[in-house]
Protein backbone atom coordinates (compact mmCIF):
# COMPACT_ATOMS: atom_id res chain seq x y z
CA MET A 1 6.74 29.12 -18.28
CA LEU A 2 7.96 25.58 -18.64
CA THR A 3 5.79 22.52 -19.26
CA LEU A 4 6.98 19.07 -18.16
CA SER A 5 8.11 18.34 -21.77
CA GLU A 6 10.12 21.57 -21.77
CA VAL A 7 11.68 20.67 -18.45
CA ASN A 8 12.83 17.42 -20.05
CA ALA A 9 14.33 19.29 -22.99
CA THR A 10 15.87 22.07 -20.91
CA THR A 11 17.50 19.74 -18.44
CA ASP A 12 18.36 17.06 -20.98
CA SER A 13 16.72 14.52 -18.68
CA HIS A 14 13.44 12.76 -17.92
CA ASP A 15 12.81 14.83 -14.79
CA GLY A 16 9.41 15.96 -16.13
CA ASP A 17 8.37 12.38 -16.59
CA ILE A 18 9.62 11.46 -13.09
CA PHE A 19 7.68 14.45 -11.72
CA SER A 20 4.50 13.13 -13.38
CA ASP A 21 5.05 9.67 -11.91
CA LEU A 22 5.74 11.13 -8.46
CA HIS A 23 2.58 13.24 -8.70
CA LYS A 24 0.56 10.15 -9.65
CA ASP A 25 2.05 8.22 -6.65
CA VAL A 26 1.13 11.00 -4.25
CA TYR A 27 -2.27 12.18 -5.54
CA GLY A 28 -3.49 9.26 -7.65
CA PHE A 29 -3.53 11.13 -10.96
CA ARG A 30 -1.09 12.74 -13.34
CA PRO A 31 -0.72 16.50 -13.41
CA ARG A 32 -2.42 18.35 -16.28
CA ASN A 33 -1.39 21.64 -17.74
CA VAL A 34 1.27 22.17 -15.08
CA THR A 35 3.83 24.90 -15.76
CA PHE A 36 6.84 26.24 -13.89
CA GLU A 37 8.33 29.67 -13.88
CA SER A 38 11.85 28.24 -14.11
CA VAL A 39 13.89 25.13 -13.59
CA GLU A 40 14.52 26.20 -10.02
CA HIS A 41 10.75 26.43 -9.46
CA PHE A 42 10.35 22.93 -10.95
CA ASP A 43 13.11 21.69 -8.60
CA ALA A 44 11.29 23.18 -5.60
CA GLU A 45 8.01 21.53 -6.60
CA TYR A 46 9.81 18.26 -7.27
CA GLU A 47 11.33 18.30 -3.72
CA ARG A 48 7.93 19.10 -2.29
CA LEU A 49 6.45 16.06 -4.04
CA VAL A 50 9.30 13.86 -2.82
CA LYS A 51 8.69 15.05 0.74
CA ARG A 52 4.95 14.49 0.38
CA LEU A 53 5.51 10.94 -0.91
CA SER A 54 7.76 10.17 2.01
CA GLU A 55 5.04 11.37 4.39
CA LYS A 56 2.49 9.32 2.63
CA LEU A 57 4.58 6.20 2.79
CA GLU A 58 5.22 6.68 6.52
CA GLN A 59 1.44 7.19 7.09
CA GLU A 60 0.68 3.98 5.13
CA LYS A 61 3.24 2.05 7.13
CA PHE A 62 1.69 3.28 10.39
CA GLU A 63 -1.83 2.36 9.23
CA LYS A 64 -0.66 -1.09 8.16
CA ALA A 65 0.77 -1.62 11.57
CA ILE A 66 -2.53 -0.73 13.19
CA ARG A 67 -4.48 -3.07 10.83
CA TRP A 68 -1.94 -5.85 11.59
CA SER A 69 -2.46 -5.42 15.26
CA GLU A 70 -6.23 -5.49 14.84
CA PHE A 71 -5.91 -8.60 12.68
CA LEU A 72 -3.92 -10.41 15.38
CA ASP A 73 -6.54 -9.39 17.98
CA ARG A 74 -9.24 -10.87 15.89
CA ILE A 75 -7.26 -14.16 15.50
CA ASP A 76 -6.64 -14.28 19.29
CA THR A 77 -10.40 -13.70 19.90
CA ILE A 78 -11.42 -16.57 17.55
CA LYS A 79 -8.94 -18.82 19.29
CA GLU A 80 -10.51 -17.85 22.70
CA LEU A 81 -14.06 -18.35 21.55
CA VAL A 82 -13.63 -21.59 19.66
CA SER A 83 -11.99 -24.49 21.44
CA ASN A 84 -9.16 -26.54 19.94
CA VAL A 85 -8.56 -24.11 17.07
CA ASP A 86 -5.10 -23.55 15.63
CA THR A 87 -4.10 -20.41 13.62
CA VAL A 88 -4.89 -21.82 10.23
CA ARG A 89 -8.42 -22.81 11.27
CA ALA A 90 -8.85 -19.38 12.96
CA LEU A 91 -7.85 -17.80 9.66
CA GLU A 92 -10.39 -19.91 7.81
CA ILE A 93 -13.07 -18.79 10.21
CA LEU A 94 -12.05 -15.17 9.73
CA CYS A 95 -12.19 -15.67 5.94
CA ASP A 96 -15.72 -16.98 6.24
CA ALA A 97 -16.66 -14.00 8.34
CA GLU A 98 -15.19 -11.65 5.71
CA GLY A 99 -17.14 -13.37 2.94
CA ILE A 100 -14.14 -15.21 1.40
CA ASP A 101 -15.30 -18.65 0.44
CA ALA A 102 -13.16 -21.82 0.15
CA GLU A 103 -12.98 -21.61 -3.68
CA GLU A 104 -11.56 -18.07 -3.59
CA ARG A 105 -9.18 -19.00 -0.78
CA SER A 106 -7.91 -22.04 -2.67
CA PHE A 107 -7.26 -19.93 -5.77
CA TYR A 108 -5.76 -16.86 -4.13
CA GLY A 109 -4.46 -18.21 -0.82
CA TRP A 110 -4.39 -15.86 2.09
CA GLU A 111 -3.94 -12.91 -0.26
CA SER A 112 -7.79 -12.47 -0.49
CA LEU A 113 -7.84 -11.97 3.25
CA GLU A 114 -4.80 -9.63 3.18
CA TRP A 115 -6.39 -7.60 0.41
CA LYS A 116 -9.78 -7.39 2.24
CA LEU A 117 -8.13 -6.27 5.54
CA GLY A 118 -5.50 -4.04 3.91
CA LEU A 119 -2.54 -6.15 5.19
CA GLN A 120 0.88 -6.50 3.64
CA PHE A 121 0.75 -9.25 1.01
CA GLY A 122 2.56 -12.37 2.21
CA SER A 123 2.25 -11.37 5.88
CA ILE A 124 -0.16 -14.11 6.86
CA LYS A 125 1.93 -16.81 5.21
CA GLN A 126 5.01 -15.50 7.10
CA MET A 127 3.07 -15.53 10.28
CA ILE A 128 1.98 -19.16 9.82
CA GLU A 129 5.47 -20.33 8.81
CA GLY A 130 6.89 -18.56 11.93
CA GLU A 131 4.56 -20.63 14.12
CA LEU A 132 5.56 -24.00 12.64
């Protein structure tokens, strides 16, 4: 049985360390007391982790797209409900609704709202600049 350290030594690489990093990216924690029957078994588990990470990233991309669409719908609804409101003011209203005060907004910018709504950082700024 090979530990991650022994995999590093056997393969003269840092593959065991990379495996640990991949495991953390996929599951949120590093593996403990993991052993492998052989280098080939390690390689198979490594490939399984790479595939799982790829699936996880695709799922996150899909979920962010849904959240972005919901965000745009909320902005459009605010613009419909409040007369003479541009996008920036609609964003300020949305921040207020989400409990993000002016002081926090002035310090963090739109990132507070992006964090709260699970949006891609920088996406609101890009949206605003695209409208100008």
